[in-house]
Amino acid sequence: QVRLMESGGGSVQAGGSLRLSCVNFVHTSGTGNVAWFRQPPGKGREGVAVVLGFPSTRYADSVKGRFTISRDNAENTVYLQMNSLKPEDTAVYYCAAATHSFYSEALSPNLYDYWGQGTQVTVSS
């Protein structure tokens, strides 16, 4: 059963923008963390941005000021707007959801229960 469905990946040149979407079938009332993670080629999975069940967000230092996460509860969708993309942003991006809201370690992949299938983002120099 699909619980999270990502879309919006693609290939762009450095400095370009992409918007990722994650349709969230896990939460029906806007509660619980939804986060974006990424896995660069040959590296481990890392947290990028998270929107908590209460209105709060957190970002990895590497994307602060460039990426924006937002949540549309009416559409059950979480977005990741990515601007000023860099080649080092190249990765498979995953949407993940937790059954509850938490702030501490909100960018730790081990604390998320549901994962999407991933979408590739490639940034060329």
PDB file of N, CA and C in Angstrom:
ATOM      1  N   GLN A   1       0.845  -1.179   0.000  1.00  0.00           N
ATOM      2  CA  GLN A   1       0.000   0.000   0.000  1.00  0.00           C
ATOM      3  C   GLN A   1       0.888   1.238   0.000  1.00  0.00           C
ATOM      4  N   VAL A   2       0.668   2.118  -0.975  1.00  0.00           N
ATOM      5  CA  VAL A   2       1.459   3.339  -1.080  1.00  0.00           C
ATOM      6  C   VAL A   2       1.006   4.316  -0.015  1.00  0.00           C
ATOM      7  N   ARG A   3       1.942   4.775   0.796  1.00  0.00           N
ATOM      8  CA  ARG A   3       1.604   5.741   1.833  1.00  0.00           C
ATOM      9  C   ARG A   3       2.142   7.130   1.520  1.00  0.00           C
ATOM     10  N   LEU A   4       3.236   7.192   0.739  1.00  0.00           N
ATOM     11  CA  LEU A   4       3.840   8.456   0.349  1.00  0.00           C
ATOM     12  C   LEU A   4       4.214   8.374  -1.121  1.00  0.00           C
ATOM     13  N   MET A   5       3.942   9.421  -1.884  1.00  0.00           N
ATOM     14  CA  MET A   5       4.225   9.407  -3.303  1.00  0.00           C
ATOM     15  C   MET A   5       4.914  10.700  -3.697  1.00  0.00           C
ATOM     16  N   GLU A   6       6.189  10.586  -4.099  1.00  0.00           N
ATOM     17  CA  GLU A   6       6.957  11.761  -4.480  1.00  0.00           C
ATOM     18  C   GLU A   6       6.866  12.005  -5.987  1.00  0.00           C
ATOM     19  N   SER A   7       7.088  13.262  -6.360  1.00  0.00           N
ATOM     20  CA  SER A   7       7.201  13.630  -7.765  1.00  0.00           C
ATOM     21  C   SER A   7       7.968  14.939  -7.853  1.00  0.00           C
ATOM     22  N   GLY A   8       8.401  15.286  -9.064  1.00  0.00           N
ATOM     23  CA  GLY A   8       9.021  16.585  -9.285  1.00  0.00           C
ATOM     24  C   GLY A   8      10.523  16.566  -9.482  1.00  0.00           C
ATOM     25  N   GLY A   9      11.149  15.410  -9.391  1.00  0.00           N
ATOM     26  CA  GLY A   9      12.590  15.362  -9.624  1.00  0.00           C
ATOM     27  C   GLY A   9      12.918  15.610 -11.080  1.00  0.00           C
ATOM     28  N   GLY A  10      14.204  15.751 -11.360  1.00  0.00           N
ATOM     29  CA  GLY A  10      14.629  15.972 -12.737  1.00  0.00           C
ATOM     30  C   GLY A  10      16.063  16.440 -12.791  1.00  0.00           C
ATOM     31  N   SER A  11      16.436  16.956 -13.961  1.00  0.00           N
ATOM     32  CA  SER A  11      17.796  17.441 -14.179  1.00  0.00           C
ATOM     33  C   SER A  11      17.770  18.940 -14.448  1.00  0.00           C
ATOM     34  N   VAL A  12      18.648  19.661 -13.762  1.00  0.00           N
ATOM     35  CA  VAL A  12      18.749  21.111 -13.950  1.00  0.00           C
ATOM     36  C   VAL A  12      20.205  21.510 -13.911  1.00  0.00           C
ATOM     37  N   GLN A  13      20.483  22.698 -14.404  1.00  0.00           N
ATOM     38  CA  GLN A  13      21.826  23.244 -14.290  1.00  0.00           C
ATOM     39  C   GLN A  13      21.980  23.947 -12.950  1.00  0.00           C
ATOM     40  N   ALA A  14      23.214  24.093 -12.540  1.00  0.00           N
ATOM     41  CA  ALA A  14      23.503  24.798 -11.288  1.00  0.00           C
ATOM     42  C   ALA A  14      22.860  26.181 -11.316  1.00  0.00           C
ATOM     43  N   GLY A  15      22.274  26.548 -10.180  1.00  0.00           N
ATOM     44  CA  GLY A  15      21.576  27.827 -10.079  1.00  0.00           C
ATOM     45  C   GLY A  15      20.097  27.731 -10.373  1.00  0.00           C
ATOM     46  N   GLY A  16      19.671  26.599 -10.906  1.00  0.00           N
ATOM     47  CA  GLY A  16      18.270  26.402 -11.240  1.00  0.00           C
ATOM     48  C   GLY A  16      17.429  26.011 -10.042  1.00  0.00           C
ATOM     49  N   SER A  17      16.152  25.750 -10.318  1.00  0.00           N
ATOM     50  CA  SER A  17      15.187  25.430  -9.262  1.00  0.00           C
ATOM     51  C   SER A  17      14.363  24.204  -9.636  1.00  0.00           C
ATOM     52  N   LEU A  18      13.920  23.502  -8.610  1.00  0.00           N
ATOM     53  CA  LEU A  18      12.978  22.403  -8.751  1.00  0.00           C
ATOM     54  C   LEU A  18      12.048  22.427  -7.559  1.00  0.00           C
ATOM     55  N   ARG A  19      10.854  21.893  -7.745  1.00  0.00           N
ATOM     56  CA  ARG A  19       9.945  21.727  -6.621  1.00  0.00           C
ATOM     57  C   ARG A  19       9.520  20.263  -6.547  1.00  0.00           C
ATOM     58  N   LEU A  20       9.787  19.666  -5.418  1.00  0.00           N
ATOM     59  CA  LEU A  20       9.373  18.297  -5.163  1.00  0.00           C
ATOM     60  C   LEU A  20       8.049  18.291  -4.417  1.00  0.00           C
ATOM     61  N   SER A  21       7.230  17.297  -4.726  1.00  0.00           N
ATOM     62  CA  SER A  21       5.944  17.139  -4.050  1.00  0.00           C
ATOM     63  C   SER A  21       5.863  15.761  -3.428  1.00  0.00           C
ATOM     64  N   CYS A  22       5.201  15.690  -2.294  1.00  0.00           N
ATOM     65  CA  CYS A  22       5.004  14.414  -1.605  1.00  0.00           C
ATOM     66  C   CYS A  22       3.542  14.343  -1.176  1.00  0.00           C
ATOM     67  N   VAL A  23       2.787  13.484  -1.829  1.00  0.00           N
ATOM     68  CA  VAL A  23       1.408  13.273  -1.422  1.00  0.00           C
ATOM     69  C   VAL A  23       1.430  12.304  -0.254  1.00  0.00           C
ATOM     70  N   ASN A  24       0.816  12.712   0.820  1.00  0.00           N
ATOM     71  CA  ASN A  24       0.934  12.036   2.110  1.00  0.00           C
ATOM     72  C   ASN A  24      -0.370  11.335   2.465  1.00  0.00           C
ATOM     73  N   PHE A  25      -0.361  10.023   2.374  1.00  0.00           N
ATOM     74  CA  PHE A  25      -1.542   9.244   2.753  1.00  0.00           C
ATOM     75  C   PHE A  25      -1.431   8.710   4.184  1.00  0.00           C
ATOM     76  N   VAL A  26      -0.354   9.115   4.879  1.00  0.00           N
ATOM     77  CA  VAL A  26      -0.138   8.635   6.248  1.00  0.00           C
ATOM     78  C   VAL A  26      -0.975   9.429   7.237  1.00  0.00           C
ATOM     79  N   HIS A  27      -0.913  10.764   7.100  1.00  0.00           N
ATOM     80  CA  HIS A  27      -1.604  11.636   8.034  1.00  0.00           C
ATOM     81  C   HIS A  27      -2.879  12.163   7.393  1.00  0.00           C
ATOM     82  N   THR A  28      -3.924  12.202   8.136  1.00  0.00           N
ATOM     83  CA  THR A  28      -5.186  12.748   7.631  1.00  0.00           C
ATOM     84  C   THR A  28      -5.559  14.054   8.296  1.00  0.00           C
ATOM     85  N   SER A  29      -4.813  14.441   9.316  1.00  0.00           N
ATOM     86  CA  SER A  29      -5.183  15.659  10.034  1.00  0.00           C
ATOM     87  C   SER A  29      -4.003  16.605  10.222  1.00  0.00           C
ATOM     88  N   GLY A  30      -2.945  16.431   9.437  1.00  0.00           N
ATOM     89  CA  GLY A  30      -1.816  17.352   9.508  1.00  0.00           C
ATOM     90  C   GLY A  30      -0.899  17.140  10.687  1.00  0.00           C
ATOM     91  N   THR A  31      -1.069  16.074  11.435  1.00  0.00           N
ATOM     92  CA  THR A  31      -0.183  15.814  12.555  1.00  0.00           C
ATOM     93  C   THR A  31       0.948  14.892  12.118  1.00  0.00           C
ATOM     94  N   GLY A  32       2.023  14.934  12.846  1.00  0.00           N
ATOM     95  CA  GLY A  32       3.170  14.090  12.546  1.00  0.00           C
ATOM     96  C   GLY A  32       4.158  14.775  11.628  1.00  0.00           C
ATOM     97  N   ASN A  33       5.416  14.491  11.862  1.00  0.00           N
ATOM     98  CA  ASN A  33       6.478  15.063  11.024  1.00  0.00           C
ATOM     99  C   ASN A  33       6.443  14.488   9.624  1.00  0.00           C
ATOM    100  N   VAL A  34       6.724  15.338   8.649  1.00  0.00           N
ATOM    101  CA  VAL A  34       7.006  14.900   7.279  1.00  0.00           C
ATOM    102  C   VAL A  34       8.327  15.541   6.877  1.00  0.00           C
ATOM    103  N   ALA A  35       9.228  14.748   6.385  1.00  0.00           N
ATOM    104  CA  ALA A  35      10.581  15.241   6.109  1.00  0.00           C
ATOM    105  C   ALA A  35      11.048  14.809   4.729  1.00  0.00           C
ATOM    106  N   TRP A  36      12.003  15.549   4.243  1.00  0.00           N
ATOM    107  CA  TRP A  36      12.722  15.174   3.026  1.00  0.00           C
ATOM    108  C   TRP A  36      14.140  14.766   3.411  1.00  0.00           C
ATOM    109  N   PHE A  37      14.550  13.632   2.884  1.00  0.00           N
ATOM    110  CA  PHE A  37      15.919  13.148   3.030  1.00  0.00           C
ATOM    111  C   PHE A  37      16.500  13.000   1.632  1.00  0.00           C
ATOM    112  N   ARG A  38      17.807  12.857   1.567  1.00  0.00           N
ATOM    113  CA  ARG A  38      18.442  12.603   0.281  1.00  0.00           C
ATOM    114  C   ARG A  38      19.612  11.662   0.464  1.00  0.00           C
ATOM    115  N   GLN A  39      19.916  10.959  -0.614  1.00  0.00           N
ATOM    116  CA  GLN A  39      21.045  10.043  -0.595  1.00  0.00           C
ATOM    117  C   GLN A  39      21.887  10.288  -1.832  1.00  0.00           C
ATOM    118  N   PRO A  40      23.005  10.992  -1.670  1.00  0.00           N
ATOM    119  CA  PRO A  40      23.903  11.228  -2.809  1.00  0.00           C
ATOM    120  C   PRO A  40      24.548   9.925  -3.261  1.00  0.00           C
ATOM    121  N   PRO A  41      25.060   9.871  -4.467  1.00  0.00           N
ATOM    122  CA  PRO A  41      25.710   8.652  -4.952  1.00  0.00           C
ATOM    123  C   PRO A  41      26.849   8.211  -4.043  1.00  0.00           C
ATOM    124  N   GLY A  42      26.813   6.975  -3.597  1.00  0.00           N
ATOM    125  CA  GLY A  42      27.881   6.429  -2.788  1.00  0.00           C
ATOM    126  C   GLY A  42      27.918   6.898  -1.346  1.00  0.00           C
ATOM    127  N   LYS A  43      26.869   7.598  -0.910  1.00  0.00           N
ATOM    128  CA  LYS A  43      26.856   8.131   0.455  1.00  0.00           C
ATOM    129  C   LYS A  43      25.601   7.672   1.186  1.00  0.00           C
ATOM    130  N   GLY A  44      25.569   7.959   2.471  1.00  0.00           N
ATOM    131  CA  GLY A  44      24.419   7.599   3.279  1.00  0.00           C
ATOM    132  C   GLY A  44      23.278   8.590   3.144  1.00  0.00           C
ATOM    133  N   ARG A  45      22.140   8.233   3.718  1.00  0.00           N
ATOM    134  CA  ARG A  45      20.965   9.092   3.666  1.00  0.00           C
ATOM    135  C   ARG A  45      21.092  10.216   4.683  1.00  0.00           C
ATOM    136  N   GLU A  46      20.759  11.431   4.274  1.00  0.00           N
ATOM    137  CA  GLU A  46      20.891  12.598   5.160  1.00  0.00           C
ATOM    138  C   GLU A  46      19.602  13.413   5.161  1.00  0.00           C
ATOM    139  N   GLY A  47      19.318  14.016   6.300  1.00  0.00           N
ATOM    140  CA  GLY A  47      18.131  14.850   6.409  1.00  0.00           C
ATOM    141  C   GLY A  47      18.322  16.175   5.709  1.00  0.00           C
ATOM    142  N   VAL A  48      17.275  16.649   5.039  1.00  0.00           N
ATOM    143  CA  VAL A  48      17.315  17.912   4.316  1.00  0.00           C
ATOM    144  C   VAL A  48      16.420  18.944   4.988  1.00  0.00           C
ATOM    145  N   ALA A  49      15.153  18.596   5.187  1.00  0.00           N
ATOM    146  CA  ALA A  49      14.206  19.539   5.768  1.00  0.00           C
ATOM    147  C   ALA A  49      13.035  18.764   6.347  1.00  0.00           C
ATOM    148  N   VAL A  50      12.411  19.332   7.359  1.00  0.00           N
ATOM    149  CA  VAL A  50      11.276  18.690   8.012  1.00  0.00           C
ATOM    150  C   VAL A  50      10.239  19.744   8.382  1.00  0.00           C
ATOM    151  N   VAL A  51       8.974  19.366   8.229  1.00  0.00           N
ATOM    152  CA  VAL A  51       7.888  20.183   8.739  1.00  0.00           C
ATOM    153  C   VAL A  51       7.193  19.369   9.824  1.00  0.00           C
ATOM    154  N   LEU A  52       7.064  19.974  10.985  1.00  0.00           N
ATOM    155  CA  LEU A  52       6.494  19.261  12.115  1.00  0.00           C
ATOM    156  C   LEU A  52       4.973  19.346  12.095  1.00  0.00           C
ATOM    157  N   GLY A  53       4.324  18.520  12.899  1.00  0.00           N
ATOM    158  CA  GLY A  53       2.878  18.550  12.974  1.00  0.00           C
ATOM    159  C   GLY A  53       2.354  19.895  13.415  1.00  0.00           C
ATOM    160  N   PHE A  54       3.006  20.507  14.407  1.00  0.00           N
ATOM    161  CA  PHE A  54       2.694  21.890  14.756  1.00  0.00           C
ATOM    162  C   PHE A  54       3.520  22.752  13.805  1.00  0.00           C
ATOM    163  N   PRO A  55       3.142  24.012  13.551  1.00  0.00           N
ATOM    164  CA  PRO A  55       3.821  24.757  12.487  1.00  0.00           C
ATOM    165  C   PRO A  55       5.249  25.144  12.843  1.00  0.00           C
ATOM    166  N   SER A  56       6.164  24.264  12.473  1.00  0.00           N
ATOM    167  CA  SER A  56       7.585  24.522  12.691  1.00  0.00           C
ATOM    168  C   SER A  56       8.365  23.749  11.639  1.00  0.00           C
ATOM    169  N   THR A  57       9.498  24.285  11.249  1.00  0.00           N
ATOM    170  CA  THR A  57      10.339  23.636  10.254  1.00  0.00           C
ATOM    171  C   THR A  57      11.787  23.619  10.723  1.00  0.00           C
ATOM    172  N   ARG A  58      12.526  22.681  10.174  1.00  0.00           N
ATOM    173  CA  ARG A  58      13.966  22.626  10.412  1.00  0.00           C
ATOM    174  C   ARG A  58      14.647  22.283   9.103  1.00  0.00           C
ATOM    175  N   TYR A  59      15.887  22.770   8.952  1.00  0.00           N
ATOM    176  CA  TYR A  59      16.652  22.551   7.737  1.00  0.00           C
ATOM    177  C   TYR A  59      18.076  22.122   8.068  1.00  0.00           C
ATOM    178  N   ALA A  60      18.636  21.322   7.176  1.00  0.00           N
ATOM    179  CA  ALA A  60      20.062  21.042   7.262  1.00  0.00           C
ATOM    180  C   ALA A  60      20.825  22.327   6.931  1.00  0.00           C
ATOM    181  N   ASP A  61      21.970  22.502   7.545  1.00  0.00           N
ATOM    182  CA  ASP A  61      22.752  23.723   7.317  1.00  0.00           C
ATOM    183  C   ASP A  61      23.098  23.895   5.840  1.00  0.00           C
ATOM    184  N   SER A  62      23.280  22.798   5.139  1.00  0.00           N
ATOM    185  CA  SER A  62      23.716  22.859   3.748  1.00  0.00           C
ATOM    186  C   SER A  62      22.649  23.421   2.811  1.00  0.00           C
ATOM    187  N   VAL A  63      21.393  23.466   3.260  1.00  0.00           N
ATOM    188  CA  VAL A  63      20.321  23.940   2.378  1.00  0.00           C
ATOM    189  C   VAL A  63      19.621  25.184   2.912  1.00  0.00           C
ATOM    190  N   LYS A  64      19.973  25.643   4.083  1.00  0.00           N
ATOM    191  CA  LYS A  64      19.330  26.825   4.658  1.00  0.00           C
ATOM    192  C   LYS A  64      19.457  28.023   3.711  1.00  0.00           C
ATOM    193  N   GLY A  65      18.343  28.722   3.537  1.00  0.00           N
ATOM    194  CA  GLY A  65      18.335  29.886   2.659  1.00  0.00           C
ATOM    195  C   GLY A  65      18.110  29.552   1.198  1.00  0.00           C
ATOM    196  N   ARG A  66      18.173  28.270   0.847  1.00  0.00           N
ATOM    197  CA  ARG A  66      17.973  27.851  -0.556  1.00  0.00           C
ATOM    198  C   ARG A  66      16.722  26.983  -0.710  1.00  0.00           C
ATOM    199  N   PHE A  67      16.440  26.152   0.271  1.00  0.00           N
ATOM    200  CA  PHE A  67      15.307  25.225   0.198  1.00  0.00           C
ATOM    201  C   PHE A  67      14.215  25.693   1.161  1.00  0.00           C
ATOM    202  N   THR A  68      12.969  25.452   0.773  1.00  0.00           N
ATOM    203  CA  THR A  68      11.835  25.770   1.630  1.00  0.00           C
ATOM    204  C   THR A  68      10.871  24.600   1.641  1.00  0.00           C
ATOM    205  N   ILE A  69      10.536  24.121   2.829  1.00  0.00           N
ATOM    206  CA  ILE A  69       9.558  23.048   2.962  1.00  0.00           C
ATOM    207  C   ILE A  69       8.233  23.661   3.396  1.00  0.00           C
ATOM    208  N   SER A  70       7.150  23.150   2.837  1.00  0.00           N
ATOM    209  CA  SER A  70       5.835  23.652   3.203  1.00  0.00           C
ATOM    210  C   SER A  70       4.837  22.506   3.171  1.00  0.00           C
ATOM    211  N   ARG A  71       3.721  22.734   3.848  1.00  0.00           N
ATOM    212  CA  ARG A  71       2.735  21.666   4.014  1.00  0.00           C
ATOM    213  C   ARG A  71       1.361  22.214   3.697  1.00  0.00           C
ATOM    214  N   ASP A  72       0.655  21.564   2.806  1.00  0.00           N
ATOM    215  CA  ASP A  72      -0.721  21.917   2.472  1.00  0.00           C
ATOM    216  C   ASP A  72      -1.608  20.803   3.008  1.00  0.00           C
ATOM    217  N   ASN A  73      -2.188  21.041   4.176  1.00  0.00           N
ATOM    218  CA  ASN A  73      -2.980  19.989   4.806  1.00  0.00           C
ATOM    219  C   ASN A  73      -4.250  19.687   4.019  1.00  0.00           C
ATOM    220  N   ALA A  74      -4.798  20.687   3.355  1.00  0.00           N
ATOM    221  CA  ALA A  74      -6.015  20.460   2.568  1.00  0.00           C
ATOM    222  C   ALA A  74      -5.756  19.486   1.415  1.00  0.00           C
ATOM    223  N   GLU A  75      -4.528  19.521   0.892  1.00  0.00           N
ATOM    224  CA  GLU A  75      -4.167  18.642  -0.226  1.00  0.00           C
ATOM    225  C   GLU A  75      -3.355  17.434   0.229  1.00  0.00           C
ATOM    226  N   ASN A  76      -3.099  17.338   1.538  1.00  0.00           N
ATOM    227  CA  ASN A  76      -2.256  16.256   2.068  1.00  0.00           C
ATOM    228  C   ASN A  76      -0.937  16.161   1.321  1.00  0.00           C
ATOM    229  N   THR A  77      -0.342  17.314   1.059  1.00  0.00           N
ATOM    230  CA  THR A  77       0.882  17.347   0.264  1.00  0.00           C
ATOM    231  C   THR A  77       1.937  18.199   0.965  1.00  0.00           C
ATOM    232  N   VAL A  78       3.154  17.718   0.915  1.00  0.00           N
ATOM    233  CA  VAL A  78       4.298  18.473   1.421  1.00  0.00           C
ATOM    234  C   VAL A  78       5.194  18.787   0.233  1.00  0.00           C
ATOM    235  N   TYR A  79       5.648  20.024   0.173  1.00  0.00           N
ATOM    236  CA  TYR A  79       6.480  20.474  -0.929  1.00  0.00           C
ATOM    237  C   TYR A  79       7.900  20.794  -0.454  1.00  0.00           C
ATOM    238  N   LEU A  80       8.842  20.633  -1.350  1.00  0.00           N
ATOM    239  CA  LEU A  80      10.205  21.091  -1.103  1.00  0.00           C
ATOM    240  C   LEU A  80      10.618  21.944  -2.292  1.00  0.00           C
ATOM    241  N   GLN A  81      10.630  23.249  -2.081  1.00  0.00           N
ATOM    242  CA  GLN A  81      11.071  24.178  -3.118  1.00  0.00           C
ATOM    243  C   GLN A  81      12.583  24.312  -3.010  1.00  0.00           C
ATOM    244  N   MET A  82      13.264  23.992  -4.079  1.00  0.00           N
ATOM    245  CA  MET A  82      14.730  24.007  -4.074  1.00  0.00           C
ATOM    246  C   MET A  82      15.217  25.049  -5.071  1.00  0.00           C
ATOM    247  N   ASN A  83      15.866  26.076  -4.562  1.00  0.00           N
ATOM    248  CA  ASN A  83      16.403  27.152  -5.386  1.00  0.00           C
ATOM    249  C   ASN A  83      17.924  27.166  -5.300  1.00  0.00           C
ATOM    250  N   SER A  84      18.543  27.866  -6.228  1.00  0.00           N
ATOM    251  CA  SER A  84      20.005  27.992  -6.250  1.00  0.00           C
ATOM    252  C   SER A  84      20.678  26.634  -6.103  1.00  0.00           C
ATOM    253  N   LEU A  85      20.225  25.684  -6.885  1.00  0.00           N
ATOM    254  CA  LEU A  85      20.734  24.322  -6.775  1.00  0.00           C
ATOM    255  C   LEU A  85      22.207  24.238  -7.144  1.00  0.00           C
ATOM    256  N   LYS A  86      22.887  23.337  -6.450  1.00  0.00           N
ATOM    257  CA  LYS A  86      24.319  23.124  -6.652  1.00  0.00           C
ATOM    258  C   LYS A  86      24.562  21.673  -7.076  1.00  0.00           C
ATOM    259  N   PRO A  87      25.664  21.394  -7.735  1.00  0.00           N
ATOM    260  CA  PRO A  87      25.952  19.990  -8.099  1.00  0.00           C
ATOM    261  C   PRO A  87      25.955  19.059  -6.903  1.00  0.00           C
ATOM    262  N   GLU A  88      26.355  19.551  -5.752  1.00  0.00           N
ATOM    263  CA  GLU A  88      26.381  18.701  -4.556  1.00  0.00           C
ATOM    264  C   GLU A  88      24.985  18.392  -4.021  1.00  0.00           C
ATOM    265  N   ASP A  89      23.955  18.991  -4.599  1.00  0.00           N
ATOM    266  CA  ASP A  89      22.576  18.644  -4.239  1.00  0.00           C
ATOM    267  C   ASP A  89      22.092  17.411  -4.989  1.00  0.00           C
ATOM    268  N   THR A  90      22.895  16.926  -5.931  1.00  0.00           N
ATOM    269  CA  THR A  90      22.530  15.736  -6.692  1.00  0.00           C
ATOM    270  C   THR A  90      22.356  14.542  -5.758  1.00  0.00           C
ATOM    271  N   ALA A  91      21.185  13.903  -5.846  1.00  0.00           N
ATOM    272  CA  ALA A  91      20.879  12.786  -4.950  1.00  0.00           C
ATOM    273  C   ALA A  91      19.507  12.223  -5.315  1.00  0.00           C
ATOM    274  N   VAL A  92      19.192  11.071  -4.737  1.00  0.00           N
ATOM    275  CA  VAL A  92      17.808  10.590  -4.724  1.00  0.00           C
ATOM    276  C   VAL A  92      17.154  11.203  -3.487  1.00  0.00           C
ATOM    277  N   TYR A  93      16.043  11.869  -3.692  1.00  0.00           N
ATOM    278  CA  TYR A  93      15.338  12.530  -2.602  1.00  0.00           C
ATOM    279  C   TYR A  93      14.144  11.678  -2.187  1.00  0.00           C
ATOM    280  N   TYR A  94      14.015  11.495  -0.879  1.00  0.00           N
ATOM    281  CA  TYR A  94      12.952  10.678  -0.310  1.00  0.00           C
ATOM    282  C   TYR A  94      12.075  11.512   0.616  1.00  0.00           C
ATOM    283  N   CYS A  95      10.798  11.268   0.544  1.00  0.00           N
ATOM    284  CA  CYS A  95       9.851  11.815   1.493  1.00  0.00           C
ATOM    285  C   CYS A  95       9.623  10.763   2.582  1.00  0.00           C
ATOM    286  N   ALA A  96       9.533  11.203   3.828  1.00  0.00           N
ATOM    287  CA  ALA A  96       9.316  10.277   4.934  1.00  0.00           C
ATOM    288  C   ALA A  96       8.340  10.893   5.927  1.00  0.00           C
ATOM    289  N   ALA A  97       7.588  10.041   6.590  1.00  0.00           N
ATOM    290  CA  ALA A  97       6.605  10.516   7.557  1.00  0.00           C
ATOM    291  C   ALA A  97       6.717   9.729   8.850  1.00  0.00           C
ATOM    292  N   ALA A  98       6.495  10.422   9.945  1.00  0.00           N
ATOM    293  CA  ALA A  98       6.440   9.798  11.264  1.00  0.00           C
ATOM    294  C   ALA A  98       5.010   9.870  11.778  1.00  0.00           C
ATOM    295  N   THR A  99       4.663   8.989  12.673  1.00  0.00           N
ATOM    296  CA  THR A  99       3.289   8.955  13.187  1.00  0.00           C
ATOM    297  C   THR A  99       3.037  10.019  14.241  1.00  0.00           C
ATOM    298  N   HIS A 100       4.082  10.719  14.681  1.00  0.00           N
ATOM    299  CA  HIS A 100       3.896  11.753  15.680  1.00  0.00           C
ATOM    300  C   HIS A 100       4.846  12.918  15.391  1.00  0.00           C
ATOM    301  N   SER A 101       4.683  14.012  16.118  1.00  0.00           N
ATOM    302  CA  SER A 101       5.528  15.186  15.947  1.00  0.00           C
ATOM    303  C   SER A 101       6.634  15.186  16.987  1.00  0.00           C
ATOM    304  N   PHE A 102       7.819  15.531  16.550  1.00  0.00           N
ATOM    305  CA  PHE A 102       8.940  15.657  17.461  1.00  0.00           C
ATOM    306  C   PHE A 102       9.932  16.623  16.860  1.00  0.00           C
ATOM    307  N   TYR A 103      10.637  17.336  17.725  1.00  0.00           N
ATOM    308  CA  TYR A 103      11.604  18.331  17.263  1.00  0.00           C
ATOM    309  C   TYR A 103      13.037  17.813  17.378  1.00  0.00           C
ATOM    310  N   SER A 104      13.303  17.172  18.524  1.00  0.00           N
ATOM    311  CA  SER A 104      14.649  16.665  18.726  1.00  0.00           C
ATOM    312  C   SER A 104      14.954  15.559  17.713  1.00  0.00           C
ATOM    313  N   GLU A 105      16.074  15.657  17.051  1.00  0.00           N
ATOM    314  CA  GLU A 105      16.514  14.682  16.050  1.00  0.00           C
ATOM    315  C   GLU A 105      15.505  14.547  14.912  1.00  0.00           C
ATOM    316  N   ALA A 106      14.846  15.631  14.557  1.00  0.00           N
ATOM    317  CA  ALA A 106      13.815  15.587  13.525  1.00  0.00           C
ATOM    318  C   ALA A 106      14.378  15.270  12.150  1.00  0.00           C
ATOM    319  N   LEU A 107      15.688  15.399  11.972  1.00  0.00           N
ATOM    320  CA  LEU A 107      16.303  15.081  10.688  1.00  0.00           C
ATOM    321  C   LEU A 107      17.053  13.749  10.730  1.00  0.00           C
ATOM    322  N   SER A 108      16.723  12.928  11.704  1.00  0.00           N
ATOM    323  CA  SER A 108      17.326  11.601  11.795  1.00  0.00           C
ATOM    324  C   SER A 108      16.450  10.591  11.068  1.00  0.00           C
ATOM    325  N   PRO A 109      16.958   9.914  10.054  1.00  0.00           N
ATOM    326  CA  PRO A 109      16.121   8.986   9.281  1.00  0.00           C
ATOM    327  C   PRO A 109      15.611   7.813  10.106  1.00  0.00           C
ATOM    328  N   ASN A 110      16.295   7.471  11.180  1.00  0.00           N
ATOM    329  CA  ASN A 110      15.902   6.300  11.963  1.00  0.00           C
ATOM    330  C   ASN A 110      14.566   6.481  12.681  1.00  0.00           C
ATOM    331  N   LEU A 111      14.072   7.718  12.762  1.00  0.00           N
ATOM    332  CA  LEU A 111      12.869   7.994  13.542  1.00  0.00           C
ATOM    333  C   LEU A 111      11.615   8.072  12.682  1.00  0.00           C
ATOM    334  N   TYR A 112      11.741   7.739  11.390  1.00  0.00           N
ATOM    335  CA  TYR A 112      10.607   7.837  10.477  1.00  0.00           C
ATOM    336  C   TYR A 112      10.100   6.453  10.108  1.00  0.00           C
ATOM    337  N   ASP A 113       8.769   6.344  10.042  1.00  0.00           N
ATOM    338  CA  ASP A 113       8.125   5.048   9.884  1.00  0.00           C
ATOM    339  C   ASP A 113       7.760   4.716   8.443  1.00  0.00           C
ATOM    340  N   TYR A 114       7.522   5.738   7.640  1.00  0.00           N
ATOM    341  CA  TYR A 114       7.039   5.528   6.280  1.00  0.00           C
ATOM    342  C   TYR A 114       7.937   6.279   5.303  1.00  0.00           C
ATOM    343  N   TRP A 115       8.197   5.635   4.156  1.00  0.00           N
ATOM    344  CA  TRP A 115       9.092   6.208   3.162  1.00  0.00           C
ATOM    345  C   TRP A 115       8.478   6.100   1.768  1.00  0.00           C
ATOM    346  N   GLY A 116       8.737   7.127   0.959  1.00  0.00           N
ATOM    347  CA  GLY A 116       8.367   7.061  -0.439  1.00  0.00           C
ATOM    348  C   GLY A 116       9.417   6.312  -1.231  1.00  0.00           C
ATOM    349  N   GLN A 117       9.192   6.210  -2.534  1.00  0.00           N
ATOM    350  CA  GLN A 117      10.071   5.426  -3.386  1.00  0.00           C
ATOM    351  C   GLN A 117      11.295   6.202  -3.852  1.00  0.00           C
ATOM    352  N   GLY A 118      11.284   7.516  -3.662  1.00  0.00           N
ATOM    353  CA  GLY A 118      12.427   8.342  -4.039  1.00  0.00           C
ATOM    354  C   GLY A 118      12.280   8.940  -5.426  1.00  0.00           C
ATOM    355  N   THR A 119      12.873  10.114  -5.604  1.00  0.00           N
ATOM    356  CA  THR A 119      12.888  10.770  -6.903  1.00  0.00           C
ATOM    357  C   THR A 119      14.280  11.358  -7.136  1.00  0.00           C
ATOM    358  N   GLN A 120      14.797  11.183  -8.343  1.00  0.00           N
ATOM    359  CA  GLN A 120      16.171  11.593  -8.642  1.00  0.00           C
ATOM    360  C   GLN A 120      16.232  13.083  -8.952  1.00  0.00           C
ATOM    361  N   VAL A 121      17.197  13.751  -8.345  1.00  0.00           N
ATOM    362  CA  VAL A 121      17.510  15.147  -8.659  1.00  0.00           C
ATOM    363  C   VAL A 121      18.966  15.192  -9.101  1.00  0.00           C
ATOM    364  N   THR A 122      19.207  15.717 -10.291  1.00  0.00           N
ATOM    365  CA  THR A 122      20.556  15.814 -10.825  1.00  0.00           C
ATOM    366  C   THR A 122      20.833  17.266 -11.188  1.00  0.00           C
ATOM    367  N   VAL A 123      21.913  17.810 -10.636  1.00  0.00           N
ATOM    368  CA  VAL A 123      22.295  19.195 -10.896  1.00  0.00           C
ATOM    369  C   VAL A 123      23.654  19.185 -11.585  1.00  0.00           C
ATOM    370  N   SER A 124      23.714  19.724 -12.771  1.00  0.00           N
ATOM    371  CA  SER A 124      24.956  19.751 -13.531  1.00  0.00           C
ATOM    372  C   SER A 124      25.611  21.124 -13.420  1.00  0.00           C
ATOM    373  N   SER A 125      26.937  21.111 -13.493  1.00  0.00           N
ATOM    374  CA  SER A 125      27.679  22.375 -13.363  1.00  0.00           C
ATOM    375  C   SER A 125      27.817  23.070 -14.705  1.00  0.00           C
TER     376      SER A 125
END
